[in-house]
């Protein structure tokens, strides 16, 4: 019930106000196209400023290496020792000291909540165990087999450029502007008429809700 009250009292009035503001703006734009076509088209052309995502994301596309330089033979003894000791201690305490066993079911408690809470706690425990064991393996590779770790990092640290993925969206597609520029008055009447209908409808809904 709280969700429906929130939708009824907040979401729907906000949506009505947004559509009402959009309808009024459309009426103003349509009237401007009808009465001052050339000036309105110049303003619209100035507002159609192209912002390139490739330029905006360029600083984020620079790869930066924050790993410390390896020692002789590619070993990183300090970091590897820390991961090994931390991984062993974490796995030990998680398996021996952290117990999420559920107690017996008590009547009056939601069966679904009792089951899901225990399942979530058990899943969290084993995820932490897996992560700690993985850190232990990485630490051992740092100490004993740095070349194998280097080849694994080379395959895992593959660089994916978002600029290449978004290159197809770097072109402006203006479908309506040429038609509006060719027939500004007709477009103005169409925009103003449609916006007037939206404004009247939203205004009627708003008055109905106030009364």
Protein backbone atom coordinates (compact mmCIF):
# COMPACT_ATOMS: atom_id res chain seq x y z
CA UNK A 1 0.00 0.00 0.00
CA UNK A 2 2.85 2.39 0.76
CA UNK A 3 4.20 1.95 -2.77
CA UNK A 4 0.82 2.69 -4.35
CA UNK A 5 0.40 5.76 -2.13
CA UNK A 6 3.84 6.99 -3.19
CA UNK A 7 3.01 6.50 -6.86
CA UNK A 8 -0.38 8.19 -6.47
CA UNK A 9 0.86 11.17 -4.45
CA UNK A 10 4.34 11.76 -5.88
CA UNK A 11 5.03 9.99 -9.16
CA UNK A 12 1.78 10.71 -10.99
CA UNK A 13 1.59 14.44 -10.04
CA UNK A 14 5.25 14.89 -11.00
CA UNK A 15 4.61 13.21 -14.35
CA UNK A 16 1.56 15.41 -14.97
CA UNK A 17 3.57 18.56 -14.18
CA UNK A 18 6.41 17.48 -16.49
CA UNK A 19 4.01 16.80 -19.36
CA UNK A 20 2.21 20.09 -18.67
CA UNK A 21 5.50 22.00 -18.80
CA UNK A 22 6.44 20.15 -21.99
CA UNK A 23 3.09 21.00 -23.57
CA UNK A 24 3.45 24.70 -22.75
CA UNK A 25 6.99 24.68 -24.12
CA UNK A 26 5.74 23.03 -27.30
CA UNK A 27 3.06 25.70 -27.71
CA UNK A 28 5.68 28.43 -27.34
CA UNK A 29 7.98 26.71 -29.86
CA UNK A 30 5.17 26.17 -32.34
CA UNK A 31 4.00 29.79 -32.12
CA UNK A 32 7.59 30.97 -32.52
CA UNK A 33 7.98 28.87 -35.67
CA UNK A 34 4.77 30.31 -37.08
CA UNK A 35 5.44 33.97 -36.21
CA UNK A 36 9.26 34.22 -36.27
CA UNK A 37 10.45 31.29 -38.35
CA UNK A 38 13.94 32.51 -39.25
CA UNK A 39 14.87 33.65 -35.73
CA UNK A 40 13.52 30.45 -34.16
CA UNK A 41 15.45 28.25 -36.57
CA UNK A 42 18.65 30.15 -35.74
CA UNK A 43 18.07 29.58 -32.02
CA UNK A 44 17.36 25.88 -32.60
CA UNK A 45 20.55 25.57 -34.67
CA UNK A 46 22.56 27.14 -31.85
CA UNK A 47 21.00 24.77 -29.32
CA UNK A 48 21.91 21.71 -31.41
CA UNK A 49 25.48 21.75 -30.11
CA UNK A 50 27.32 18.48 -30.60
CA UNK A 51 29.17 17.17 -27.55
CA UNK A 52 31.52 14.34 -28.47
CA UNK A 53 31.65 11.50 -25.98
CA UNK A 54 35.03 10.48 -27.37
CA UNK A 55 36.54 13.78 -26.30
CA UNK A 56 34.77 13.69 -22.93
CA UNK A 57 35.99 10.14 -22.21
CA UNK A 58 39.51 10.65 -23.58
CA UNK A 59 41.15 11.17 -20.12
CA UNK A 60 39.52 7.95 -18.90
CA UNK A 61 40.85 5.98 -21.87
CA UNK A 62 44.50 6.36 -20.88
CA UNK A 63 45.80 3.10 -19.35
CA UNK A 64 47.68 3.62 -16.10
CA UNK A 65 49.85 1.03 -14.41
CA UNK A 66 49.67 1.28 -10.60
CA UNK A 67 51.43 -2.00 -9.83
CA UNK A 68 54.78 -1.81 -8.03
CA UNK A 69 57.84 -2.84 -10.05
CA UNK A 70 58.68 -6.54 -9.62
CA UNK A 71 61.86 -7.71 -7.99
CA UNK A 72 64.54 -9.99 -9.49
CA UNK A 73 62.98 -12.75 -11.56
CA UNK A 74 59.62 -10.96 -11.57
CA UNK A 75 58.96 -11.76 -7.91
CA UNK A 76 57.09 -9.46 -5.56
CA UNK A 77 57.98 -10.92 -2.17
CA UNK A 78 56.30 -8.39 0.12
CA UNK A 79 52.96 -8.41 -1.64
CA UNK A 80 53.11 -12.16 -2.20
CA UNK A 81 53.87 -12.86 1.46
CA UNK A 82 51.06 -10.56 2.55
CA UNK A 83 48.56 -12.34 0.29
CA UNK A 84 49.68 -15.79 1.41
CA UNK A 85 49.52 -14.99 5.13
CA UNK A 86 46.27 -13.03 4.80
CA UNK A 87 44.69 -15.73 2.63
CA UNK A 88 45.61 -18.53 5.04
CA UNK A 89 44.32 -16.64 8.07
CA UNK A 90 41.11 -15.59 6.29
CA UNK A 91 40.33 -19.13 5.10
CA UNK A 92 41.06 -20.55 8.57
CA UNK A 93 38.87 -18.07 10.44
CA UNK A 94 36.06 -18.27 7.90
CA UNK A 95 35.92 -22.07 8.03
CA UNK A 96 36.48 -22.57 11.75
CA UNK A 97 35.27 -19.42 13.48
CA UNK A 98 32.47 -18.09 11.33
CA UNK A 99 29.37 -20.22 11.67
CA UNK A 100 26.07 -19.13 10.12
CA UNK A 101 24.16 -22.29 10.95
CA UNK A 102 20.48 -21.60 11.32
CA UNK A 103 18.62 -22.51 14.42
CA UNK A 104 15.46 -24.59 14.33
CA UNK A 105 12.41 -23.03 12.79
CA UNK A 106 10.22 -21.16 15.26
CA UNK A 107 6.49 -20.95 14.53
CA UNK A 108 5.37 -17.41 13.84
CA UNK A 109 8.42 -16.49 11.75
CA UNK A 110 8.12 -16.29 7.99
CA UNK A 111 9.43 -19.54 6.52
CA UNK A 112 10.61 -17.78 3.37
CA UNK A 113 12.53 -15.12 5.34
CA UNK A 114 14.08 -17.79 7.60
CA UNK A 115 15.21 -19.82 4.59
CA UNK A 116 16.47 -16.91 2.47
CA UNK A 117 18.38 -15.26 5.33
CA UNK A 118 20.26 -18.47 6.07
CA UNK A 119 20.91 -19.06 2.38
CA UNK A 120 22.27 -15.52 1.93
CA UNK A 121 24.59 -15.82 4.93
CA UNK A 122 25.94 -19.19 3.78
CA UNK A 123 26.47 -17.89 0.24
CA UNK A 124 28.32 -14.83 1.59
CA UNK A 125 30.58 -17.05 3.70
CA UNK A 126 31.58 -19.29 0.81
CA UNK A 127 32.13 -16.33 -1.51
CA UNK A 128 34.55 -14.91 1.06
CA UNK A 129 36.25 -18.30 1.37
CA UNK A 130 36.66 -18.52 -2.42
CA UNK A 131 38.05 -14.97 -2.59
CA UNK A 132 40.53 -15.65 0.23
CA UNK A 133 41.65 -18.90 -1.40
CA UNK A 134 42.15 -17.09 -4.71
CA UNK A 135 44.28 -14.44 -2.95
CA UNK A 136 46.33 -17.26 -1.41
CA UNK A 137 46.93 -18.82 -4.83
CA UNK A 138 47.97 -15.46 -6.31
CA UNK A 139 50.38 -14.90 -3.43
CA UNK A 140 51.96 -18.33 -3.96
CA UNK A 141 52.35 -17.61 -7.67
CA UNK A 142 54.06 -14.31 -6.84
CA UNK A 143 56.56 -16.11 -4.65
CA UNK A 144 57.11 -19.38 -6.49
CA UNK A 145 56.04 -18.99 -10.13
CA UNK A 146 56.11 -15.32 -11.17
CA UNK A 147 56.32 -16.20 -14.87
CA UNK A 148 53.04 -18.14 -14.73
CA UNK A 149 51.43 -15.22 -12.92
CA UNK A 150 52.77 -12.81 -15.55
CA UNK A 151 51.25 -14.86 -18.37
CA UNK A 152 47.93 -15.05 -16.48
CA UNK A 153 47.92 -11.26 -15.92
CA UNK A 154 48.72 -10.71 -19.60
CA UNK A 155 45.58 -12.63 -20.58
CA UNK A 156 43.41 -11.13 -17.85
CA UNK A 157 44.50 -7.49 -18.26
CA UNK A 158 42.96 -7.08 -21.70
CA UNK A 159 42.20 -3.46 -22.57
CA UNK A 160 38.71 -2.73 -23.91
CA UNK A 161 38.29 0.76 -25.30
CA UNK A 162 34.88 2.30 -24.85
CA UNK A 163 35.77 4.80 -27.58
CA UNK A 164 35.80 1.96 -30.11
CA UNK A 165 32.55 0.52 -28.79
CA UNK A 166 30.84 3.94 -28.98
CA UNK A 167 32.28 5.02 -32.32
CA UNK A 168 29.02 4.12 -34.10
CA UNK A 169 27.12 6.67 -31.99
CA UNK A 170 29.49 9.53 -32.81
CA UNK A 171 27.39 10.70 -35.76
CA UNK A 172 24.55 13.16 -35.57
CA UNK A 173 21.24 11.84 -36.88
CA UNK A 174 18.82 14.72 -37.38
CA UNK A 175 15.70 13.34 -39.02
CA UNK A 176 13.11 16.03 -38.25
CA UNK A 177 15.22 19.19 -38.55
CA UNK A 178 15.38 19.24 -42.39
CA UNK A 179 11.58 18.88 -42.63
CA UNK A 180 11.04 21.62 -40.04
CA UNK A 181 13.46 23.94 -41.85
CA UNK A 182 11.74 23.24 -45.16
CA UNK A 183 8.23 23.94 -43.79
CA UNK A 184 8.62 25.94 -40.55
CA UNK A 185 5.07 27.33 -40.44
CA UNK A 186 3.39 23.97 -41.05
CA UNK A 187 5.66 22.37 -38.47
CA UNK A 188 4.87 25.18 -36.05
CA UNK A 189 1.14 24.70 -36.40
CA UNK A 190 1.52 20.93 -35.94
CA UNK A 191 3.73 21.29 -32.85
CA UNK A 192 1.49 23.97 -31.33
CA UNK A 193 -1.69 21.97 -31.95
CA UNK A 194 -0.33 18.73 -30.50
CA UNK A 195 1.16 20.57 -27.53
CA UNK A 196 -2.14 22.35 -26.89
CA UNK A 197 -3.94 19.02 -26.68
CA UNK A 198 -1.34 17.71 -24.22
CA UNK A 199 -1.55 20.91 -22.15
CA UNK A 200 -5.36 20.78 -21.96
CA UNK A 201 -5.34 17.11 -21.02
CA UNK A 202 -2.70 17.51 -18.30
CA UNK A 203 -4.36 20.67 -17.01
CA UNK A 204 -7.67 18.85 -16.74
CA UNK A 205 -6.05 15.97 -14.87
CA UNK A 206 -4.32 18.37 -12.50
CA UNK A 207 -7.55 20.25 -11.73
CA UNK A 208 -9.40 16.97 -11.22
CA UNK A 209 -6.80 15.83 -8.69
CA UNK A 210 -6.92 19.15 -6.83
CA UNK A 211 -10.68 18.90 -6.45
